[in-house]
Amino acid sequence: MIAEPGQEGAMPGSGPGHGGAHDRQVAAPAISPGLAVVTNHERDFDGTPGIAIESWTMP
């Protein structure tokens, strides 16, 4: 079972809007070559320096 944010065993800072470790792992390969991360959870990457975000949820 995967721990939900706020439960015992959850990663600190995990969950929507918290820029958790998994979000940083997703962002890292995109930052160096200047690529964008496509997501519908833009706020998860708030505070990640150098990341370009593209949201495909808006028409």
Protein backbone atom coordinates (compact mmCIF):
# COMPACT_ATOMS: atom_id res chain seq x y z
CA MET A 1 0.00 0.00 0.00
CA ILE A 2 1.27 3.46 -0.86
CA ALA A 3 1.10 6.00 1.97
CA GLU A 4 -1.00 9.05 1.25
CA PRO A 5 0.34 12.51 2.18
CA GLY A 6 -0.08 13.03 5.89
CA GLN A 7 -0.03 9.30 6.69
CA GLU A 8 2.79 7.48 8.40
CA GLY A 9 5.36 6.49 5.78
CA ALA A 10 4.49 9.32 3.39
CA MET A 11 7.36 11.36 2.04
CA PRO A 12 7.66 14.80 3.64
CA GLY A 13 6.41 17.43 1.28
CA SER A 14 4.56 14.94 -0.89
CA GLY A 15 1.16 15.63 -2.33
CA PRO A 16 -0.34 18.34 -4.48
CA GLY A 17 1.30 21.73 -4.25
CA HIS A 18 4.19 20.62 -2.12
CA GLY A 19 6.99 20.09 -4.66
CA GLY A 20 7.88 16.69 -3.21
CA ALA A 21 10.88 14.58 -4.06
CA HIS A 22 9.04 12.76 -6.85
CA ASP A 23 8.16 16.06 -8.50
CA ARG A 24 11.81 17.10 -8.40
CA GLN A 25 12.82 13.77 -9.95
CA VAL A 26 10.36 14.38 -12.79
CA ALA A 27 11.61 17.95 -13.27
CA ALA A 28 15.36 17.23 -13.18
CA PRO A 29 15.79 15.71 -16.66
CA ALA A 30 13.84 18.57 -18.23
CA ILE A 31 15.72 21.46 -16.62
CA SER A 32 19.20 20.97 -18.09
CA PRO A 33 18.23 20.75 -21.79
CA GLY A 34 15.55 23.42 -21.34
CA LEU A 35 12.57 21.14 -21.95
CA ALA A 36 9.10 21.63 -20.51
CA VAL A 37 7.25 19.33 -18.16
CA VAL A 38 3.68 18.77 -19.32
CA THR A 39 1.35 18.45 -16.34
CA ASN A 40 -2.11 19.32 -15.16
CA HIS A 41 -0.71 19.82 -11.65
CA GLU A 42 1.35 22.95 -12.21
CA ARG A 43 1.45 23.90 -8.55
CA ASP A 44 3.36 20.71 -7.75
CA PHE A 45 6.36 22.35 -9.43
CA ASP A 46 6.07 25.76 -7.75
CA GLY A 47 9.45 26.69 -6.35
CA THR A 48 11.39 24.43 -8.73
CA PRO A 49 14.00 26.78 -10.19
CA GLY A 50 14.61 26.68 -13.93
CA ILE A 51 11.61 24.49 -14.82
CA ALA A 52 9.33 25.29 -17.74
CA ILE A 53 5.75 24.06 -17.25
CA GLU A 54 3.18 23.42 -19.94
CA SER A 55 -0.42 22.74 -19.03
CA TRP A 56 -2.53 21.01 -21.65
CA THR A 57 -5.67 21.25 -19.53
CA MET A 58 -6.62 24.73 -20.73
CA PRO A 59 -8.31 24.98 -24.16
